[in-house]
Amino acid sequence: MRAGIPYIFEIINCLKNISMFSKGMQPVLFSLIEAKKGNIGWRRAGTEISYFRNLFKIPNDDERKENKKLEKMKIWLIQKIMEK
């Protein structure tokens, strides 16, 4: 990853109905370079985080019959803020 460039990550097939990401929680990222410098390698980062239904259906029989519940997809935009 390069500093100052936005990256989009999509995580699909999450089965929760609600997510803390929709309430402001940020994903955790690890920087090997920051960790080697003695700084904290893990940190929360990300902007424009969204959590919404997608078109992937849960594959078990009960859910196929209902045909209502859809899996969730988390998408967030992460712009590299470390290793500048």
PDB file of N, CA and C in Angstrom:
ATOM      1  N   MET A   1       0.841  -1.177   0.000  1.00  0.00           N
ATOM      2  CA  MET A   1       0.000   0.000   0.000  1.00  0.00           C
ATOM      3  C   MET A   1       0.883   1.237   0.000  1.00  0.00           C
ATOM      4  N   ARG A   2       0.361   2.276  -0.625  1.00  0.00           N
ATOM      5  CA  ARG A   2       1.089   3.538  -0.674  1.00  0.00           C
ATOM      6  C   ARG A   2       0.306   4.622   0.059  1.00  0.00           C
ATOM      7  N   ALA A   3       1.025   5.528   0.692  1.00  0.00           N
ATOM      8  CA  ALA A   3       0.401   6.608   1.455  1.00  0.00           C
ATOM      9  C   ALA A   3      -0.402   7.518   0.543  1.00  0.00           C
ATOM     10  N   GLY A   4      -1.551   7.988   1.050  1.00  0.00           N
ATOM     11  CA  GLY A   4      -2.366   8.961   0.337  1.00  0.00           C
ATOM     12  C   GLY A   4      -3.265   8.396  -0.747  1.00  0.00           C
ATOM     13  N   ILE A   5      -3.245   7.095  -0.946  1.00  0.00           N
ATOM     14  CA  ILE A   5      -4.080   6.475  -1.976  1.00  0.00           C
ATOM     15  C   ILE A   5      -5.226   5.735  -1.291  1.00  0.00           C
ATOM     16  N   PRO A   6      -6.479   6.008  -1.676  1.00  0.00           N
ATOM     17  CA  PRO A   6      -7.602   5.289  -1.060  1.00  0.00           C
ATOM     18  C   PRO A   6      -7.703   3.853  -1.587  1.00  0.00           C
ATOM     19  N   TYR A   7      -8.002   2.932  -0.701  1.00  0.00           N
ATOM     20  CA  TYR A   7      -8.206   1.528  -1.052  1.00  0.00           C
ATOM     21  C   TYR A   7      -9.593   1.115  -0.593  1.00  0.00           C
ATOM     22  N   ILE A   8     -10.279   0.330  -1.390  1.00  0.00           N
ATOM     23  CA  ILE A   8     -11.615  -0.142  -1.029  1.00  0.00           C
ATOM     24  C   ILE A   8     -11.534  -1.627  -0.711  1.00  0.00           C
ATOM     25  N   PHE A   9     -12.080  -2.012   0.439  1.00  0.00           N
ATOM     26  CA  PHE A   9     -12.133  -3.403   0.858  1.00  0.00           C
ATOM     27  C   PHE A   9     -13.586  -3.829   0.958  1.00  0.00           C
ATOM     28  N   GLU A  10     -13.891  -4.999   0.481  1.00  0.00           N
ATOM     29  CA  GLU A  10     -15.236  -5.553   0.599  1.00  0.00           C
ATOM     30  C   GLU A  10     -15.141  -6.896   1.308  1.00  0.00           C
ATOM     31  N   ILE A  11     -15.914  -7.043   2.360  1.00  0.00           N
ATOM     32  CA  ILE A  11     -16.010  -8.312   3.073  1.00  0.00           C
ATOM     33  C   ILE A  11     -17.435  -8.795   2.859  1.00  0.00           C
ATOM     34  N   ILE A  12     -17.597  -9.955   2.250  1.00  0.00           N
ATOM     35  CA  ILE A  12     -18.947 -10.444   1.977  1.00  0.00           C
ATOM     36  C   ILE A  12     -19.230 -11.702   2.779  1.00  0.00           C
ATOM     37  N   ASN A  13     -20.499 -12.084   2.791  1.00  0.00           N
ATOM     38  CA  ASN A  13     -20.985 -13.282   3.465  1.00  0.00           C
ATOM     39  C   ASN A  13     -20.939 -13.172   4.980  1.00  0.00           C
ATOM     40  N   CYS A  14     -21.150 -12.004   5.505  1.00  0.00           N
ATOM     41  CA  CYS A  14     -21.287 -11.816   6.942  1.00  0.00           C
ATOM     42  C   CYS A  14     -22.757 -12.027   7.280  1.00  0.00           C
ATOM     43  N   LEU A  15     -23.032 -12.831   8.280  1.00  0.00           N
ATOM     44  CA  LEU A  15     -24.411 -13.249   8.529  1.00  0.00           C
ATOM     45  C   LEU A  15     -25.136 -12.433   9.596  1.00  0.00           C
ATOM     46  N   LYS A  16     -24.505 -11.451  10.163  1.00  0.00           N
ATOM     47  CA  LYS A  16     -25.165 -10.667  11.202  1.00  0.00           C
ATOM     48  C   LYS A  16     -26.221  -9.748  10.595  1.00  0.00           C
ATOM     49  N   ASN A  17     -27.304  -9.537  11.341  1.00  0.00           N
ATOM     50  CA  ASN A  17     -28.340  -8.604  10.896  1.00  0.00           C
ATOM     51  C   ASN A  17     -27.921  -7.154  11.097  1.00  0.00           C
ATOM     52  N   ILE A  18     -27.148  -6.917  12.156  1.00  0.00           N
ATOM     53  CA  ILE A  18     -26.644  -5.568  12.418  1.00  0.00           C
ATOM     54  C   ILE A  18     -25.145  -5.670  12.678  1.00  0.00           C
ATOM     55  N   SER A  19     -24.470  -4.566  12.568  1.00  0.00           N
ATOM     56  CA  SER A  19     -23.024  -4.564  12.755  1.00  0.00           C
ATOM     57  C   SER A  19     -22.599  -3.282  13.439  1.00  0.00           C
ATOM     58  N   MET A  20     -21.574  -3.376  14.265  1.00  0.00           N
ATOM     59  CA  MET A  20     -21.026  -2.183  14.900  1.00  0.00           C
ATOM     60  C   MET A  20     -20.372  -1.262  13.866  1.00  0.00           C
ATOM     61  N   PHE A  21     -20.029  -1.803  12.674  1.00  0.00           N
ATOM     62  CA  PHE A  21     -19.479  -0.957  11.621  1.00  0.00           C
ATOM     63  C   PHE A  21     -20.507   0.079  11.180  1.00  0.00           C
ATOM     64  N   SER A  22     -21.798  -0.262  11.241  1.00  0.00           N
ATOM     65  CA  SER A  22     -22.831   0.704  10.864  1.00  0.00           C
ATOM     66  C   SER A  22     -23.047   1.741  11.958  1.00  0.00           C
ATOM     67  N   LYS A  23     -22.423   1.527  13.119  1.00  0.00           N
ATOM     68  CA  LYS A  23     -22.543   2.470  14.228  1.00  0.00           C
ATOM     69  C   LYS A  23     -21.235   3.219  14.487  1.00  0.00           C
ATOM     70  N   GLY A  24     -20.307   3.169  13.518  1.00  0.00           N
ATOM     71  CA  GLY A  24     -19.088   3.955  13.633  1.00  0.00           C
ATOM     72  C   GLY A  24     -17.813   3.185  13.927  1.00  0.00           C
ATOM     73  N   MET A  25     -17.899   1.889  14.221  1.00  0.00           N
ATOM     74  CA  MET A  25     -16.686   1.132  14.478  1.00  0.00           C
ATOM     75  C   MET A  25     -15.839   1.053  13.209  1.00  0.00           C
ATOM     76  N   GLN A  26     -14.535   1.077  13.375  1.00  0.00           N
ATOM     77  CA  GLN A  26     -13.616   0.988  12.242  1.00  0.00           C
ATOM     78  C   GLN A  26     -12.898  -0.360  12.258  1.00  0.00           C
ATOM     79  N   PRO A  27     -12.528  -0.875  11.082  1.00  0.00           N
ATOM     80  CA  PRO A  27     -11.752  -2.115  11.041  1.00  0.00           C
ATOM     81  C   PRO A  27     -10.352  -1.899  11.617  1.00  0.00           C
ATOM     82  N   VAL A  28      -9.714  -2.987  12.017  1.00  0.00           N
ATOM     83  CA  VAL A  28      -8.369  -2.927  12.572  1.00  0.00           C
ATOM     84  C   VAL A  28      -7.369  -3.301  11.481  1.00  0.00           C
ATOM     85  N   LEU A  29      -6.344  -2.487  11.337  1.00  0.00           N
ATOM     86  CA  LEU A  29      -5.286  -2.727  10.354  1.00  0.00           C
ATOM     87  C   LEU A  29      -3.954  -2.873  11.066  1.00  0.00           C
ATOM     88  N   PHE A  30      -3.052  -3.630  10.469  1.00  0.00           N
ATOM     89  CA  PHE A  30      -1.728  -3.832  11.045  1.00  0.00           C
ATOM     90  C   PHE A  30      -0.669  -3.288  10.101  1.00  0.00           C
ATOM     91  N   SER A  31       0.285  -2.547  10.655  1.00  0.00           N
ATOM     92  CA  SER A  31       1.409  -2.026   9.883  1.00  0.00           C
ATOM     93  C   SER A  31       2.696  -2.658  10.402  1.00  0.00           C
ATOM     94  N   LEU A  32       3.315  -3.486   9.593  1.00  0.00           N
ATOM     95  CA  LEU A  32       4.579  -4.110   9.966  1.00  0.00           C
ATOM     96  C   LEU A  32       5.669  -3.056  10.128  1.00  0.00           C
ATOM     97  N   ILE A  33       5.660  -2.050   9.271  1.00  0.00           N
ATOM     98  CA  ILE A  33       6.670  -0.985   9.354  1.00  0.00           C
ATOM     99  C   ILE A  33       6.550  -0.231  10.670  1.00  0.00           C
ATOM    100  N   GLU A  34       5.331   0.144  11.059  1.00  0.00           N
ATOM    101  CA  GLU A  34       5.134   0.849  12.328  1.00  0.00           C
ATOM    102  C   GLU A  34       5.521  -0.037  13.508  1.00  0.00           C
ATOM    103  N   ALA A  35       5.195  -1.320  13.452  1.00  0.00           N
ATOM    104  CA  ALA A  35       5.543  -2.247  14.531  1.00  0.00           C
ATOM    105  C   ALA A  35       7.061  -2.380  14.661  1.00  0.00           C
ATOM    106  N   LYS A  36       7.766  -2.445  13.543  1.00  0.00           N
ATOM    107  CA  LYS A  36       9.234  -2.549  13.579  1.00  0.00           C
ATOM    108  C   LYS A  36       9.880  -1.291  14.142  1.00  0.00           C
ATOM    109  N   LYS A  37       9.225  -0.149  13.970  1.00  0.00           N
ATOM    110  CA  LYS A  37       9.737   1.107  14.531  1.00  0.00           C
ATOM    111  C   LYS A  37       9.513   1.176  16.034  1.00  0.00           C
ATOM    112  N   GLY A  38       8.746   0.233  16.573  1.00  0.00           N
ATOM    113  CA  GLY A  38       8.435   0.249  17.995  1.00  0.00           C
ATOM    114  C   GLY A  38       7.115   0.928  18.294  1.00  0.00           C
ATOM    115  N   ASN A  39       6.439   1.385  17.273  1.00  0.00           N
ATOM    116  CA  ASN A  39       5.118   1.986  17.455  1.00  0.00           C
ATOM    117  C   ASN A  39       4.071   0.881  17.485  1.00  0.00           C
ATOM    118  N   ILE A  40       2.870   1.240  17.772  1.00  0.00           N
ATOM    119  CA  ILE A  40       1.781   0.267  17.752  1.00  0.00           C
ATOM    120  C   ILE A  40       1.523  -0.130  16.309  1.00  0.00           C
ATOM    121  N   GLY A  41       1.546  -1.421  16.028  1.00  0.00           N
ATOM    122  CA  GLY A  41       1.303  -1.900  14.669  1.00  0.00           C
ATOM    123  C   GLY A  41      -0.170  -1.967  14.325  1.00  0.00           C
ATOM    124  N   TRP A  42      -1.000  -2.291  15.327  1.00  0.00           N
ATOM    125  CA  TRP A  42      -2.445  -2.409  15.100  1.00  0.00           C
ATOM    126  C   TRP A  42      -3.113  -1.082  15.395  1.00  0.00           C
ATOM    127  N   ARG A  43      -4.009  -0.668  14.518  1.00  0.00           N
ATOM    128  CA  ARG A  43      -4.782   0.551  14.781  1.00  0.00           C
ATOM    129  C   ARG A  43      -6.086   0.510  14.000  1.00  0.00           C
ATOM    130  N   ARG A  44      -7.059   1.237  14.491  1.00  0.00           N
ATOM    131  CA  ARG A  44      -8.340   1.342  13.789  1.00  0.00           C
ATOM    132  C   ARG A  44      -8.203   2.389  12.698  1.00  0.00           C
ATOM    133  N   ALA A  45      -8.769   2.082  11.532  1.00  0.00           N
ATOM    134  CA  ALA A  45      -8.673   3.003  10.400  1.00  0.00           C
ATOM    135  C   ALA A  45      -9.854   2.774   9.476  1.00  0.00           C
ATOM    136  N   GLY A  46     -10.124   3.735   8.624  1.00  0.00           N
ATOM    137  CA  GLY A  46     -11.176   3.594   7.629  1.00  0.00           C
ATOM    138  C   GLY A  46     -12.178   4.727   7.692  1.00  0.00           C
ATOM    139  N   THR A  47     -12.727   5.058   6.534  1.00  0.00           N
ATOM    140  CA  THR A  47     -13.770   6.073   6.430  1.00  0.00           C
ATOM    141  C   THR A  47     -14.845   5.539   5.502  1.00  0.00           C
ATOM    142  N   GLU A  48     -15.962   6.191   5.490  1.00  0.00           N
ATOM    143  CA  GLU A  48     -17.065   5.813   4.599  1.00  0.00           C
ATOM    144  C   GLU A  48     -17.403   4.325   4.724  1.00  0.00           C
ATOM    145  N   ILE A  49     -17.476   3.855   5.948  1.00  0.00           N
ATOM    146  CA  ILE A  49     -17.763   2.446   6.208  1.00  0.00           C
ATOM    147  C   ILE A  49     -19.261   2.226   6.081  1.00  0.00           C
ATOM    148  N   SER A  50     -19.656   1.228   5.321  1.00  0.00           N
ATOM    149  CA  SER A  50     -21.080   0.926   5.171  1.00  0.00           C
ATOM    150  C   SER A  50     -21.308  -0.568   5.347  1.00  0.00           C
ATOM    151  N   TYR A  51     -22.528  -0.912   5.679  1.00  0.00           N
ATOM    152  CA  TYR A  51     -22.902  -2.287   5.964  1.00  0.00           C
ATOM    153  C   TYR A  51     -24.302  -2.469   5.402  1.00  0.00           C
ATOM    154  N   PHE A  52     -24.467  -3.336   4.424  1.00  0.00           N
ATOM    155  CA  PHE A  52     -25.775  -3.445   3.791  1.00  0.00           C
ATOM    156  C   PHE A  52     -25.984  -4.819   3.186  1.00  0.00           C
ATOM    157  N   ARG A  53     -27.210  -5.085   2.811  1.00  0.00           N
ATOM    158  CA  ARG A  53     -27.566  -6.366   2.199  1.00  0.00           C
ATOM    159  C   ARG A  53     -26.928  -6.490   0.824  1.00  0.00           C
ATOM    160  N   ASN A  54     -26.634  -7.730   0.467  1.00  0.00           N
ATOM    161  CA  ASN A  54     -26.204  -7.985  -0.901  1.00  0.00           C
ATOM    162  C   ASN A  54     -27.082  -9.095  -1.479  1.00  0.00           C
ATOM    163  N   LEU A  55     -26.754  -9.588  -2.639  1.00  0.00           N
ATOM    164  CA  LEU A  55     -27.607 -10.557  -3.326  1.00  0.00           C
ATOM    165  C   LEU A  55     -27.256 -12.013  -3.040  1.00  0.00           C
ATOM    166  N   PHE A  56     -26.262 -12.265  -2.203  1.00  0.00           N
ATOM    167  CA  PHE A  56     -25.895 -13.637  -1.877  1.00  0.00           C
ATOM    168  C   PHE A  56     -26.867 -14.203  -0.853  1.00  0.00           C
ATOM    169  N   LYS A  57     -27.482 -15.317  -1.164  1.00  0.00           N
ATOM    170  CA  LYS A  57     -28.454 -15.917  -0.258  1.00  0.00           C
ATOM    171  C   LYS A  57     -27.785 -16.944   0.643  1.00  0.00           C
ATOM    172  N   ILE A  58     -28.282 -17.056   1.851  1.00  0.00           N
ATOM    173  CA  ILE A  58     -27.785 -18.061   2.788  1.00  0.00           C
ATOM    174  C   ILE A  58     -28.155 -19.438   2.241  1.00  0.00           C
ATOM    175  N   PRO A  59     -27.224 -20.360   2.170  1.00  0.00           N
ATOM    176  CA  PRO A  59     -27.465 -21.612   1.458  1.00  0.00           C
ATOM    177  C   PRO A  59     -28.226 -22.714   2.197  1.00  0.00           C
ATOM    178  N   ASN A  60     -28.631 -22.510   3.455  1.00  0.00           N
ATOM    179  CA  ASN A  60     -29.328 -23.626   4.107  1.00  0.00           C
ATOM    180  C   ASN A  60     -30.790 -23.708   3.659  1.00  0.00           C
ATOM    181  N   ASP A  61     -31.418 -24.880   3.859  1.00  0.00           N
ATOM    182  CA  ASP A  61     -32.763 -25.151   3.335  1.00  0.00           C
ATOM    183  C   ASP A  61     -33.826 -24.200   3.881  1.00  0.00           C
ATOM    184  N   ASP A  62     -33.791 -23.935   5.192  1.00  0.00           N
ATOM    185  CA  ASP A  62     -34.802 -23.051   5.786  1.00  0.00           C
ATOM    186  C   ASP A  62     -34.754 -21.660   5.167  1.00  0.00           C
ATOM    187  N   GLU A  63     -33.573 -21.163   4.977  1.00  0.00           N
ATOM    188  CA  GLU A  63     -33.437 -19.823   4.414  1.00  0.00           C
ATOM    189  C   GLU A  63     -33.836 -19.799   2.942  1.00  0.00           C
ATOM    190  N   ARG A  64     -33.592 -20.872   2.238  1.00  0.00           N
ATOM    191  CA  ARG A  64     -34.012 -20.927   0.830  1.00  0.00           C
ATOM    192  C   ARG A  64     -35.533 -20.881   0.736  1.00  0.00           C
ATOM    193  N   LYS A  65     -36.206 -21.533   1.674  1.00  0.00           N
ATOM    194  CA  LYS A  65     -37.676 -21.534   1.672  1.00  0.00           C
ATOM    195  C   LYS A  65     -38.208 -20.131   1.951  1.00  0.00           C
ATOM    196  N   GLU A  66     -37.632 -19.484   2.943  1.00  0.00           N
ATOM    197  CA  GLU A  66     -38.089 -18.128   3.272  1.00  0.00           C
ATOM    198  C   GLU A  66     -37.732 -17.148   2.163  1.00  0.00           C
ATOM    199  N   ASN A  67     -36.547 -17.315   1.609  1.00  0.00           N
ATOM    200  CA  ASN A  67     -36.052 -16.461   0.532  1.00  0.00           C
ATOM    201  C   ASN A  67     -36.109 -14.976   0.902  1.00  0.00           C
ATOM    202  N   LYS A  68     -35.951 -14.691   2.196  1.00  0.00           N
ATOM    203  CA  LYS A  68     -36.026 -13.306   2.653  1.00  0.00           C
ATOM    204  C   LYS A  68     -34.684 -12.820   3.180  1.00  0.00           C
ATOM    205  N   LYS A  69     -34.030 -13.671   3.959  1.00  0.00           N
ATOM    206  CA  LYS A  69     -32.803 -13.225   4.608  1.00  0.00           C
ATOM    207  C   LYS A  69     -31.646 -13.240   3.626  1.00  0.00           C
ATOM    208  N   LEU A  70     -30.943 -12.167   3.588  1.00  0.00           N
ATOM    209  CA  LEU A  70     -29.771 -12.062   2.727  1.00  0.00           C
ATOM    210  C   LEU A  70     -28.543 -11.851   3.595  1.00  0.00           C
ATOM    211  N   GLU A  71     -27.436 -12.306   3.116  1.00  0.00           N
ATOM    212  CA  GLU A  71     -26.199 -12.078   3.839  1.00  0.00           C
ATOM    213  C   GLU A  71     -25.812 -10.607   3.737  1.00  0.00           C
ATOM    214  N   LYS A  72     -24.898 -10.231   4.556  1.00  0.00           N
ATOM    215  CA  LYS A  72     -24.484  -8.833   4.611  1.00  0.00           C
ATOM    216  C   LYS A  72     -23.130  -8.650   3.953  1.00  0.00           C
ATOM    217  N   MET A  73     -22.873  -7.455   3.560  1.00  0.00           N
ATOM    218  CA  MET A  73     -21.579  -7.103   2.997  1.00  0.00           C
ATOM    219  C   MET A  73     -21.088  -5.846   3.697  1.00  0.00           C
ATOM    220  N   LYS A  74     -19.847  -5.876   4.113  1.00  0.00           N
ATOM    221  CA  LYS A  74     -19.235  -4.699   4.712  1.00  0.00           C
ATOM    222  C   LYS A  74     -18.296  -4.104   3.682  1.00  0.00           C
ATOM    223  N   ILE A  75     -18.393  -2.823   3.502  1.00  0.00           N
ATOM    224  CA  ILE A  75     -17.490  -2.133   2.578  1.00  0.00           C
ATOM    225  C   ILE A  75     -16.939  -0.918   3.310  1.00  0.00           C
ATOM    226  N   TRP A  76     -15.661  -0.738   3.213  1.00  0.00           N
ATOM    227  CA  TRP A  76     -15.106   0.477   3.766  1.00  0.00           C
ATOM    228  C   TRP A  76     -13.980   0.979   2.882  1.00  0.00           C
ATOM    229  N   LEU A  77     -13.770   2.262   2.963  1.00  0.00           N
ATOM    230  CA  LEU A  77     -12.701   2.912   2.220  1.00  0.00           C
ATOM    231  C   LEU A  77     -11.590   3.206   3.210  1.00  0.00           C
ATOM    232  N   ILE A  78     -10.417   2.725   2.902  1.00  0.00           N
ATOM    233  CA  ILE A  78      -9.281   2.934   3.789  1.00  0.00           C
ATOM    234  C   ILE A  78      -8.206   3.671   3.008  1.00  0.00           C
ATOM    235  N   GLN A  79      -7.825   4.793   3.537  1.00  0.00           N
ATOM    236  CA  GLN A  79      -6.721   5.525   2.925  1.00  0.00           C
ATOM    237  C   GLN A  79      -5.527   5.363   3.845  1.00  0.00           C
ATOM    238  N   LYS A  80      -4.442   4.928   3.287  1.00  0.00           N
ATOM    239  CA  LYS A  80      -3.263   4.641   4.099  1.00  0.00           C
ATOM    240  C   LYS A  80      -2.801   5.910   4.804  1.00  0.00           C
ATOM    241  N   ILE A  81      -2.677   5.807   6.121  1.00  0.00           N
ATOM    242  CA  ILE A  81      -2.285   6.974   6.897  1.00  0.00           C
ATOM    243  C   ILE A  81      -0.941   6.757   7.587  1.00  0.00           C
ATOM    244  N   MET A  82      -0.401   5.545   7.490  1.00  0.00           N
ATOM    245  CA  MET A  82       0.886   5.261   8.104  1.00  0.00           C
ATOM    246  C   MET A  82       1.936   5.105   7.011  1.00  0.00           C
ATOM    247  N   GLU A  83       3.164   4.961   7.413  1.00  0.00           N
ATOM    248  CA  GLU A  83       4.287   4.714   6.510  1.00  0.00           C
ATOM    249  C   GLU A  83       4.432   5.802   5.454  1.00  0.00           C
ATOM    250  N   LYS A  84       4.253   7.042   5.863  1.00  0.00           N
ATOM    251  CA  LYS A  84       4.377   8.163   4.916  1.00  0.00           C
ATOM    252  C   LYS A  84       5.830   8.488   4.657  1.00  0.00           C
TER     253      LYS A  84
END
